[in-house]
Structures are given as C-alpha cells and as structure tokens.
C-alpha cells in the first residue's frame, strides 16, 4: 500500500515538472514576442490598429437599433439623466 502512495507522489511530481516546463516555454515565447515589439515599434502600431478594428466591429454588432441617433424612444436599455 505504501508503494502505491509513493507511485502517486512520483506521478504528481512528474506532472508538476511537466507543467513547469510548459510555463517556462510559454514565458520564453512571450518574452520573444515582447522583444520583437520593442525592436520594431511599427508592429505595435499595427497590432493596436488591428485590435481597434476588431473592437469597432464588435461594438457595431452590439449596438441597439436607434441608439446611434442618440434617441432612446422605446429603448429600455438606455436611461438618460440630465445633469444641470
């Protein structure tokens, strides 16, 4: 019975080691990508532009009809509060 417990402990250690190796590998890839961004600032602009474009597309799909005109007639999703 004790041998079975030791096997489980060894298996757990092996899984942790494997996971640690994957984290290290992912961190290296992330650092490589970060280094490329530092070396080529233009690529940062391209990425930001792409993300902005995706955000605009997503926002356009989520807009409530009639919300673009600034009116909330019949629209229960928008509450306008006047501040004087």
Protein backbone atom coordinates (compact mmCIF):
# COMPACT_ATOMS: atom_id res chain seq x y z
CA UNK A 1 0.00 0.00 0.00
CA UNK A 2 2.87 2.37 0.83
CA UNK A 3 4.41 1.64 -2.55
CA UNK A 4 1.18 2.72 -4.29
CA UNK A 5 1.25 6.01 -2.35
CA UNK A 6 4.87 6.60 -3.39
CA UNK A 7 3.91 5.95 -7.02
CA UNK A 8 1.16 8.57 -6.78
CA UNK A 9 3.58 11.07 -5.27
CA UNK A 10 6.12 10.40 -8.03
CA UNK A 11 3.41 10.75 -10.68
CA UNK A 12 2.33 14.06 -9.12
CA UNK A 13 5.89 15.35 -9.15
CA UNK A 14 6.27 14.37 -12.80
CA UNK A 15 3.07 16.24 -13.70
CA UNK A 16 4.27 19.33 -11.82
CA UNK A 17 7.62 19.20 -13.60
CA UNK A 18 5.88 18.90 -16.96
CA UNK A 19 3.61 21.82 -16.14
CA UNK A 20 6.59 23.90 -15.01
CA UNK A 21 8.38 23.18 -18.30
CA UNK A 22 5.28 24.32 -20.24
CA UNK A 23 5.10 27.54 -18.21
CA UNK A 24 8.77 28.21 -18.88
CA UNK A 25 8.29 27.54 -22.59
CA UNK A 26 5.25 29.86 -22.74
CA UNK A 27 7.15 32.57 -20.85
CA UNK A 28 10.06 32.35 -23.28
CA UNK A 29 7.68 32.72 -26.24
CA UNK A 30 6.03 35.71 -24.57
CA UNK A 31 9.40 37.33 -23.90
CA UNK A 32 10.47 36.71 -27.51
CA UNK A 33 7.28 38.40 -28.73
CA UNK A 34 7.82 41.31 -26.32
CA UNK A 35 11.40 41.71 -27.56
CA UNK A 36 10.21 41.84 -31.17
CA UNK A 37 7.71 44.54 -30.24
CA UNK A 38 10.45 46.59 -28.57
CA UNK A 39 12.73 46.20 -31.58
CA UNK A 40 10.00 47.13 -34.08
CA UNK A 41 7.62 49.79 -32.68
CA UNK A 42 5.76 49.84 -36.01
CA UNK A 43 4.50 46.34 -35.28
CA UNK A 44 2.96 47.66 -32.05
CA UNK A 45 1.05 50.24 -34.09
CA UNK A 46 -0.14 47.51 -36.46
CA UNK A 47 -1.32 45.34 -33.57
CA UNK A 48 -3.11 48.24 -31.86
CA UNK A 49 -4.79 49.16 -35.15
CA UNK A 50 -5.93 45.57 -35.65
CA UNK A 51 -7.30 45.35 -32.10
CA UNK A 52 -9.08 48.70 -32.51
CA UNK A 53 -10.65 47.50 -35.75
CA UNK A 54 -11.86 44.31 -34.07
CA UNK A 55 -13.27 46.33 -31.17
CA UNK A 56 -15.12 48.64 -33.54
CA UNK A 57 -16.59 45.66 -35.40
CA UNK A 58 -17.70 44.05 -32.15
CA UNK A 59 -19.22 47.32 -30.92
CA UNK A 60 -21.09 47.78 -34.19
CA UNK A 61 -22.64 44.31 -33.82
CA UNK A 62 -23.70 45.04 -30.25
CA UNK A 63 -25.33 48.41 -30.91
CA UNK A 64 -29.01 48.70 -30.14
CA UNK A 65 -31.03 49.87 -33.17
CA UNK A 66 -31.82 53.57 -32.79
CA UNK A 67 -29.02 54.12 -30.27
CA UNK A 68 -26.75 55.69 -32.90
CA UNK A 69 -29.20 58.56 -33.41
CA UNK A 70 -29.00 59.44 -29.74
CA UNK A 71 -32.69 58.84 -29.06
CA UNK A 72 -33.95 56.40 -26.51
CA UNK A 73 -37.58 56.30 -27.65
CA UNK A 74 -38.87 52.85 -26.85
CA UNK A 75 -35.44 51.74 -25.71
CA UNK A 76 -35.43 50.31 -22.18
CA UNK A 77 -31.66 49.73 -22.27
CA UNK A 78 -30.67 53.38 -22.02
CA UNK A 79 -31.61 55.75 -19.24
CA UNK A 80 -30.73 59.38 -19.76
CA UNK A 81 -30.21 61.52 -16.68
CA UNK A 82 -29.99 65.28 -17.08
CA UNK A 83 -27.30 66.97 -15.04
CA UNK A 84 -27.70 70.69 -14.54
